[in-house]
């Protein structure tokens, strides 16, 4: 029996087909390889997201810190400009009413140019009161400035009515002020103009925020030629 050998062209076509099929098999991915690749991509995306989110939170925190420091700088500068330029004839009293927890009572200054002016209406104020009140935030205090107008007919409860109120500091853990008596050479937490005829020489602010472990303290000079109102 005789067998016919395949033609050379058929052998070449068969060899070429086998090589192409092997190449296609080598180019494909198994299910495990696809799953591993997807897992690796997920890890990379998660890492990039974590880094971006951390950078965003850090940027927000730094921006909030800068804003807070700027506000605090303006607050202390306004206090200094106000207290160091008080004219003679003003009346200063502090701590004569019941103090809030973590606070040292309200500060009332009668006469002089009103501080923290944000609208023309408050320029008509006859007195200004710095009040320590409870904030809406649980356990927090806030410092408000109240511009007051003298009543035409003062009563036994009050001689003024408020015309405007502005929050200066909020989120406070504590806020205290002290006054230096030059004659007694001591600091006092309150000031009664009926007993202390001479005005305080210095005033010191001490406060701390709930979310800030730092304690702030500023001392201001008060014009020492003030005269209590009769």
C-alpha atoms as a PDB file:
ATOM      1  CA  UNK A   1       0.000   0.000   0.000  1.00  0.00           C
ATOM      2  CA  UNK A   2       1.300   3.406  -0.841  1.00  0.00           C
ATOM      3  CA  UNK A   3       0.640   6.663   1.109  1.00  0.00           C
ATOM      4  CA  UNK A   4       0.675  10.007  -0.564  1.00  0.00           C
ATOM      5  CA  UNK A   5       2.749  12.600   1.253  1.00  0.00           C
ATOM      6  CA  UNK A   6       1.041  15.959   1.735  1.00  0.00           C
ATOM      7  CA  UNK A   7       2.055  18.713  -0.540  1.00  0.00           C
ATOM      8  CA  UNK A   8       4.617  21.197   0.812  1.00  0.00           C
ATOM      9  CA  UNK A   9       2.044  24.031   0.624  1.00  0.00           C
ATOM     10  CA  UNK A  10      -0.351  22.116   2.905  1.00  0.00           C
ATOM     11  CA  UNK A  11       2.404  21.497   5.410  1.00  0.00           C
ATOM     12  CA  UNK A  12       3.275  25.177   5.491  1.00  0.00           C
ATOM     13  CA  UNK A  13      -0.386  26.209   5.938  1.00  0.00           C
ATOM     14  CA  UNK A  14      -0.830  23.738   8.808  1.00  0.00           C
ATOM     15  CA  UNK A  15       2.330  24.922  10.552  1.00  0.00           C
ATOM     16  CA  UNK A  16       1.291  28.546  10.194  1.00  0.00           C
ATOM     17  CA  UNK A  17      -2.163  27.757  11.639  1.00  0.00           C
ATOM     18  CA  UNK A  18      -0.624  25.969  14.620  1.00  0.00           C
ATOM     19  CA  UNK A  19       1.678  28.905  15.359  1.00  0.00           C
ATOM     20  CA  UNK A  20      -1.209  31.398  15.207  1.00  0.00           C
ATOM     21  CA  UNK A  21      -3.348  29.313  17.533  1.00  0.00           C
ATOM     22  CA  UNK A  22      -0.491  29.008  20.013  1.00  0.00           C
ATOM     23  CA  UNK A  23       0.107  32.733  19.815  1.00  0.00           C
ATOM     24  CA  UNK A  24      -3.570  33.445  20.556  1.00  0.00           C
ATOM     25  CA  UNK A  25      -3.489  31.099  23.512  1.00  0.00           C
ATOM     26  CA  UNK A  26      -0.411  32.828  24.885  1.00  0.00           C
ATOM     27  CA  UNK A  27      -1.980  36.307  24.471  1.00  0.00           C
ATOM     28  CA  UNK A  28      -5.087  35.520  26.577  1.00  0.00           C
ATOM     29  CA  UNK A  29      -5.432  35.900  30.414  1.00  0.00           C
ATOM     30  CA  UNK A  30      -6.736  33.409  32.860  1.00  0.00           C
ATOM     31  CA  UNK A  31      -9.544  34.284  35.297  1.00  0.00           C
ATOM     32  CA  UNK A  32      -7.104  34.334  38.235  1.00  0.00           C
ATOM     33  CA  UNK A  33      -4.845  36.778  36.426  1.00  0.00           C
ATOM     34  CA  UNK A  34      -7.806  39.084  35.711  1.00  0.00           C
ATOM     35  CA  UNK A  35      -8.941  38.966  39.359  1.00  0.00           C
ATOM     36  CA  UNK A  36      -5.431  39.711  40.606  1.00  0.00           C
ATOM     37  CA  UNK A  37      -5.094  42.615  38.180  1.00  0.00           C
ATOM     38  CA  UNK A  38      -8.431  44.087  39.284  1.00  0.00           C
ATOM     39  CA  UNK A  39      -7.432  43.743  42.927  1.00  0.00           C
ATOM     40  CA  UNK A  40      -4.126  45.485  42.278  1.00  0.00           C
ATOM     41  CA  UNK A  41      -5.884  48.329  40.454  1.00  0.00           C
ATOM     42  CA  UNK A  42      -8.331  48.663  43.371  1.00  0.00           C
ATOM     43  CA  UNK A  43      -5.457  48.892  45.837  1.00  0.00           C
ATOM     44  CA  UNK A  44      -3.760  51.575  43.757  1.00  0.00           C
ATOM     45  CA  UNK A  45      -6.962  53.605  43.443  1.00  0.00           C
ATOM     46  CA  UNK A  46      -7.595  53.290  47.197  1.00  0.00           C
ATOM     47  CA  UNK A  47      -4.062  54.432  47.985  1.00  0.00           C
ATOM     48  CA  UNK A  48      -4.306  57.426  45.676  1.00  0.00           C
ATOM     49  CA  UNK A  49      -7.692  58.367  47.176  1.00  0.00           C
ATOM     50  CA  UNK A  50      -6.352  58.103  50.726  1.00  0.00           C
ATOM     51  CA  UNK A  51      -3.398  60.330  49.901  1.00  0.00           C
ATOM     52  CA  UNK A  52      -5.595  62.887  48.130  1.00  0.00           C
ATOM     53  CA  UNK A  53      -8.162  62.875  50.940  1.00  0.00           C
ATOM     54  CA  UNK A  54      -5.452  63.290  53.576  1.00  0.00           C
ATOM     55  CA  UNK A  55      -3.915  66.191  51.662  1.00  0.00           C
ATOM     56  CA  UNK A  56      -7.345  67.811  51.321  1.00  0.00           C
ATOM     57  CA  UNK A  57      -8.070  67.460  55.039  1.00  0.00           C
ATOM     58  CA  UNK A  58      -4.634  68.826  55.917  1.00  0.00           C
ATOM     59  CA  UNK A  59      -5.167  71.798  53.620  1.00  0.00           C
ATOM     60  CA  UNK A  60      -8.587  72.485  55.135  1.00  0.00           C
ATOM     61  CA  UNK A  61      -7.194  72.231  58.660  1.00  0.00           C
ATOM     62  CA  UNK A  62      -4.317  74.592  57.857  1.00  0.00           C
ATOM     63  CA  UNK A  63      -6.707  77.065  56.218  1.00  0.00           C
ATOM     64  CA  UNK A  64      -9.031  77.004  59.244  1.00  0.00           C
ATOM     65  CA  UNK A  65      -6.027  77.525  61.533  1.00  0.00           C
ATOM     66  CA  UNK A  66      -4.886  80.533  59.492  1.00  0.00           C
ATOM     67  CA  UNK A  67      -8.378  82.035  59.571  1.00  0.00           C
ATOM     68  CA  UNK A  68      -8.595  81.510  63.349  1.00  0.00           C
ATOM     69  CA  UNK A  69      -5.170  83.070  63.918  1.00  0.00           C
ATOM     70  CA  UNK A  70      -6.084  86.048  61.730  1.00  0.00           C
ATOM     71  CA  UNK A  71      -9.310  86.624  63.649  1.00  0.00           C
ATOM     72  CA  UNK A  72      -7.487  86.346  66.952  1.00  0.00           C
ATOM     73  CA  UNK A  73      -4.856  88.837  65.793  1.00  0.00           C
ATOM     74  CA  UNK A  74      -7.539  91.332  64.770  1.00  0.00           C
ATOM     75  CA  UNK A  75      -9.366  90.761  68.053  1.00  0.00           C
ATOM     76  CA  UNK A  76      -6.320  91.504  70.216  1.00  0.00           C
ATOM     77  CA  UNK A  77      -5.333  94.492  68.073  1.00  0.00           C
ATOM     78  CA  UNK A  78      -8.818  95.984  68.396  1.00  0.00           C
ATOM     79  CA  UNK A  79      -8.683  95.553  72.185  1.00  0.00           C
ATOM     80  CA  UNK A  80      -5.305  97.248  72.388  1.00  0.00           C
ATOM     81  CA  UNK A  81      -6.342 100.196  70.226  1.00  0.00           C
ATOM     82  CA  UNK A  82      -9.538 100.636  72.202  1.00  0.00           C
ATOM     83  CA  UNK A  83      -8.167 100.395  75.757  1.00  0.00           C
ATOM     84  CA  UNK A  84      -5.031 102.415  75.125  1.00  0.00           C
ATOM     85  CA  UNK A  85      -7.023 105.292  73.659  1.00  0.00           C
ATOM     86  CA  UNK A  86      -9.827 105.581  76.187  1.00  0.00           C
ATOM     87  CA  UNK A  87     -10.562 109.235  76.999  1.00  0.00           C
ATOM     88  CA  UNK A  88     -10.900 110.663  80.510  1.00  0.00           C
ATOM     89  CA  UNK A  89     -14.345 110.479  82.037  1.00  0.00           C
ATOM     90  CA  UNK A  90     -15.252 106.879  81.286  1.00  0.00           C
ATOM     91  CA  UNK A  91     -16.619 104.497  83.903  1.00  0.00           C
ATOM     92  CA  UNK A  92     -15.396 100.897  84.036  1.00  0.00           C
ATOM     93  CA  UNK A  93     -17.015  98.091  86.020  1.00  0.00           C
ATOM     94  CA  UNK A  94     -16.657  94.332  85.863  1.00  0.00           C
ATOM     95  CA  UNK A  95     -17.858  91.246  87.723  1.00  0.00           C
ATOM     96  CA  UNK A  96     -20.667  93.000  89.584  1.00  0.00           C
ATOM     97  CA  UNK A  97     -23.216  90.420  88.413  1.00  0.00           C
ATOM     98  CA  UNK A  98     -23.191  86.640  88.742  1.00  0.00           C
ATOM     99  CA  UNK A  99     -20.445  85.179  86.577  1.00  0.00           C
ATOM    100  CA  UNK A 100     -20.958  82.268  84.191  1.00  0.00           C
ATOM    101  CA  UNK A 101     -19.125  79.027  84.847  1.00  0.00           C
ATOM    102  CA  UNK A 102     -15.588  79.419  83.485  1.00  0.00           C
ATOM    103  CA  UNK A 103     -16.018  83.176  83.126  1.00  0.00           C
ATOM    104  CA  UNK A 104     -15.373  86.257  85.225  1.00  0.00           C
ATOM    105  CA  UNK A 105     -18.537  88.258  84.642  1.00  0.00           C
ATOM    106  CA  UNK A 106     -19.346  91.034  82.217  1.00  0.00           C
ATOM    107  CA  UNK A 107     -17.298  94.140  81.542  1.00  0.00           C
ATOM    108  CA  UNK A 108     -19.192  97.440  81.197  1.00  0.00           C
ATOM    109  CA  UNK A 109     -17.511 100.601  79.919  1.00  0.00           C
ATOM    110  CA  UNK A 110     -19.616 103.757  79.936  1.00  0.00           C
ATOM    111  CA  UNK A 111     -18.571 106.682  77.779  1.00  0.00           C
ATOM    112  CA  UNK A 112     -15.887 106.951  75.162  1.00  0.00           C
ATOM    113  CA  UNK A 113     -15.810 105.902  71.537  1.00  0.00           C
ATOM    114  CA  UNK A 114     -17.482 102.505  71.018  1.00  0.00           C
ATOM    115  CA  UNK A 115     -15.178  99.705  69.813  1.00  0.00           C
ATOM    116  CA  UNK A 116     -15.817  96.977  67.223  1.00  0.00           C
ATOM    117  CA  UNK A 117     -17.891  99.240  65.015  1.00  0.00           C
ATOM    118  CA  UNK A 118     -19.301  97.336  62.020  1.00  0.00           C
ATOM    119  CA  UNK A 119     -22.257  99.620  61.258  1.00  0.00           C
ATOM    120  CA  UNK A 120     -22.963 103.303  61.660  1.00  0.00           C
ATOM    121  CA  UNK A 121     -25.759 102.647  64.122  1.00  0.00           C
ATOM    122  CA  UNK A 122     -23.433 101.506  66.908  1.00  0.00           C
ATOM    123  CA  UNK A 123     -21.639 104.862  66.846  1.00  0.00           C
ATOM    124  CA  UNK A 124     -24.655 106.211  68.726  1.00  0.00           C
ATOM    125  CA  UNK A 125     -23.931 103.922  71.691  1.00  0.00           C
ATOM    126  CA  UNK A 126     -23.418 105.517  75.098  1.00  0.00           C
ATOM    127  CA  UNK A 127     -21.863 102.395  76.619  1.00  0.00           C
ATOM    128  CA  UNK A 128     -20.466  99.038  75.598  1.00  0.00           C
ATOM    129  CA  UNK A 129     -20.766  95.731  77.430  1.00  0.00           C
ATOM    130  CA  UNK A 130     -18.627  92.637  76.878  1.00  0.00           C
ATOM    131  CA  UNK A 131     -20.789  89.712  77.938  1.00  0.00           C
ATOM    132  CA  UNK A 132     -19.832  86.097  78.588  1.00  0.00           C
ATOM    133  CA  UNK A 133     -22.764  83.924  77.586  1.00  0.00           C
ATOM    134  CA  UNK A 134     -23.360  80.239  76.964  1.00  0.00           C
ATOM    135  CA  UNK A 135     -22.936  79.143  73.381  1.00  0.00           C
ATOM    136  CA  UNK A 136     -25.176  76.784  71.402  1.00  0.00           C
ATOM    137  CA  UNK A 137     -22.254  74.371  71.367  1.00  0.00           C
ATOM    138  CA  UNK A 138     -22.523  72.078  74.425  1.00  0.00           C
ATOM    139  CA  UNK A 139     -20.175  73.129  77.225  1.00  0.00           C
ATOM    140  CA  UNK A 140     -18.920  76.189  75.341  1.00  0.00           C
ATOM    141  CA  UNK A 141     -18.956  79.906  76.087  1.00  0.00           C
ATOM    142  CA  UNK A 142     -18.820  82.875  73.774  1.00  0.00           C
ATOM    143  CA  UNK A 143     -17.850  86.519  74.115  1.00  0.00           C
ATOM    144  CA  UNK A 144     -20.334  89.064  72.759  1.00  0.00           C
ATOM    145  CA  UNK A 145     -20.050  92.825  72.566  1.00  0.00           C
ATOM    146  CA  UNK A 146     -23.254  94.768  73.165  1.00  0.00           C
ATOM    147  CA  UNK A 147     -23.609  98.390  72.196  1.00  0.00           C
ATOM    148  CA  UNK A 148     -25.979 100.135  74.571  1.00  0.00           C
ATOM    149  CA  UNK A 149     -28.041 103.307  74.442  1.00  0.00           C
ATOM    150  CA  UNK A 150     -28.974 105.160  77.621  1.00  0.00           C
ATOM    151  CA  UNK A 151     -32.668 105.069  78.435  1.00  0.00           C
ATOM    152  CA  UNK A 152     -34.477 108.404  78.614  1.00  0.00           C
ATOM    153  CA  UNK A 153     -35.984 107.209  81.896  1.00  0.00           C
ATOM    154  CA  UNK A 154     -33.588 104.722  83.547  1.00  0.00           C
ATOM    155  CA  UNK A 155     -35.265 102.202  85.830  1.00  0.00           C
ATOM    156  CA  UNK A 156     -34.053 100.217  88.806  1.00  0.00           C
ATOM    157  CA  UNK A 157     -33.172  97.190  86.661  1.00  0.00           C
ATOM    158  CA  UNK A 158     -31.147  98.838  83.939  1.00  0.00           C
ATOM    159  CA  UNK A 159     -30.127 102.215  82.637  1.00  0.00           C
ATOM    160  CA  UNK A 160     -29.445 101.051  79.076  1.00  0.00           C
ATOM    161  CA  UNK A 161     -31.098  99.258  76.206  1.00  0.00           C
ATOM    162  CA  UNK A 162     -29.143  97.231  73.608  1.00  0.00           C
ATOM    163  CA  UNK A 163     -29.027  98.560  70.056  1.00  0.00           C
ATOM    164  CA  UNK A 164     -26.640  95.975  68.572  1.00  0.00           C
ATOM    165  CA  UNK A 165     -24.811  92.785  69.525  1.00  0.00           C
ATOM    166  CA  UNK A 166     -21.905  90.996  67.882  1.00  0.00           C
ATOM    167  CA  UNK A 167     -20.114  87.727  68.694  1.00  0.00           C
ATOM    168  CA  UNK A 168     -16.358  88.244  69.034  1.00  0.00           C
ATOM    169  CA  UNK A 169     -15.178  84.800  70.183  1.00  0.00           C
ATOM    170  CA  UNK A 170     -16.982  81.471  70.316  1.00  0.00           C
ATOM    171  CA  UNK A 171     -16.165  77.901  71.256  1.00  0.00           C
ATOM    172  CA  UNK A 172     -14.512  79.085  74.469  1.00  0.00           C
ATOM    173  CA  UNK A 173     -13.673  76.787  77.334  1.00  0.00           C
ATOM    174  CA  UNK A 174     -12.997  79.687  79.687  1.00  0.00           C
ATOM    175  CA  UNK A 175     -12.616  83.445  79.564  1.00  0.00           C
ATOM    176  CA  UNK A 176     -11.376  85.642  82.389  1.00  0.00           C
ATOM    177  CA  UNK A 177     -10.166  89.168  82.812  1.00  0.00           C
ATOM    178  CA  UNK A 178      -8.167  90.718  85.609  1.00  0.00           C
ATOM    179  CA  UNK A 179      -7.445  94.297  86.569  1.00  0.00           C
ATOM    180  CA  UNK A 180      -4.298  95.677  88.130  1.00  0.00           C
ATOM    181  CA  UNK A 181      -4.728  98.141  90.974  1.00  0.00           C
ATOM    182  CA  UNK A 182      -1.689 100.412  90.968  1.00  0.00           C
ATOM    183  CA  UNK A 183      -2.295 101.566  94.547  1.00  0.00           C
ATOM    184  CA  UNK A 184      -2.652  98.073  96.016  1.00  0.00           C
ATOM    185  CA  UNK A 185      -0.211  96.535  93.522  1.00  0.00           C
ATOM    186  CA  UNK A 186      -2.454  93.519  93.024  1.00  0.00           C
ATOM    187  CA  UNK A 187      -4.549  91.900  90.322  1.00  0.00           C
ATOM    188  CA  UNK A 188      -8.316  91.636  90.868  1.00  0.00           C
ATOM    189  CA  UNK A 189     -10.942  89.585  89.027  1.00  0.00           C
ATOM    190  CA  UNK A 190     -13.565  92.328  89.371  1.00  0.00           C
ATOM    191  CA  UNK A 191     -13.678  96.105  89.410  1.00  0.00           C
ATOM    192  CA  UNK A 192     -16.189  98.226  91.284  1.00  0.00           C
ATOM    193  CA  UNK A 193     -15.933 101.961  90.476  1.00  0.00           C
ATOM    194  CA  UNK A 194     -17.820 102.798  93.667  1.00  0.00           C
ATOM    195  CA  UNK A 195     -15.050 101.275  95.787  1.00  0.00           C
ATOM    196  CA  UNK A 196     -12.054 101.751  93.506  1.00  0.00           C
ATOM    197  CA  UNK A 197     -12.142 105.403  92.538  1.00  0.00           C
ATOM    198  CA  UNK A 198      -8.886 105.190  90.626  1.00  0.00           C
ATOM    199  CA  UNK A 199      -9.093 103.284  87.338  1.00  0.00           C
ATOM    200  CA  UNK A 200      -7.077 100.075  86.774  1.00  0.00           C
ATOM    201  CA  UNK A 201      -3.677 100.543  85.244  1.00  0.00           C
ATOM    202  CA  UNK A 202      -3.686  97.269  83.285  1.00  0.00           C
ATOM    203  CA  UNK A 203      -6.250  94.748  82.119  1.00  0.00           C
ATOM    204  CA  UNK A 204      -5.351  91.138  81.405  1.00  0.00           C
ATOM    205  CA  UNK A 205      -7.336  88.732  79.226  1.00  0.00           C
ATOM    206  CA  UNK A 206      -7.001  85.002  79.737  1.00  0.00           C
ATOM    207  CA  UNK A 207      -8.973  82.541  77.617  1.00  0.00           C
ATOM    208  CA  UNK A 208      -8.867  79.068  76.108  1.00  0.00           C
ATOM    209  CA  UNK A 209     -10.861  77.320  73.399  1.00  0.00           C
ATOM    210  CA  UNK A 210     -12.488  73.913  73.751  1.00  0.00           C
ATOM    211  CA  UNK A 211     -10.736  72.501  70.683  1.00  0.00           C
ATOM    212  CA  UNK A 212      -7.369  74.151  71.261  1.00  0.00           C
ATOM    213  CA  UNK A 213      -5.065  73.063  74.119  1.00  0.00           C
ATOM    214  CA  UNK A 214      -3.212  76.376  74.050  1.00  0.00           C
ATOM    215  CA  UNK A 215      -3.979  79.077  76.605  1.00  0.00           C
ATOM    216  CA  UNK A 216      -3.974  82.698  75.490  1.00  0.00           C
ATOM    217  CA  UNK A 217      -3.098  85.646  77.695  1.00  0.00           C
ATOM    218  CA  UNK A 218      -2.819  89.311  76.750  1.00  0.00           C
ATOM    219  CA  UNK A 219      -2.154  92.341  78.935  1.00  0.00           C
ATOM    220  CA  UNK A 220      -3.241  95.843  77.915  1.00  0.00           C
ATOM    221  CA  UNK A 221      -2.471  99.228  79.334  1.00  0.00           C
ATOM    222  CA  UNK A 222      -5.471 101.387  80.238  1.00  0.00           C
ATOM    223  CA  UNK A 223      -5.157 105.160  80.233  1.00  0.00           C
ATOM    224  CA  UNK A 224      -4.417 105.954  83.883  1.00  0.00           C
ATOM    225  CA  UNK A 225      -5.898 109.456  83.869  1.00  0.00           C
ATOM    226  CA  UNK A 226      -9.484 108.209  83.723  1.00  0.00           C
ATOM    227  CA  UNK A 227     -11.987 109.812  86.037  1.00  0.00           C
ATOM    228  CA  UNK A 228     -15.119 108.033  87.245  1.00  0.00           C
ATOM    229  CA  UNK A 229     -18.391 109.654  86.236  1.00  0.00           C
ATOM    230  CA  UNK A 230     -20.312 111.383  88.997  1.00  0.00           C
END
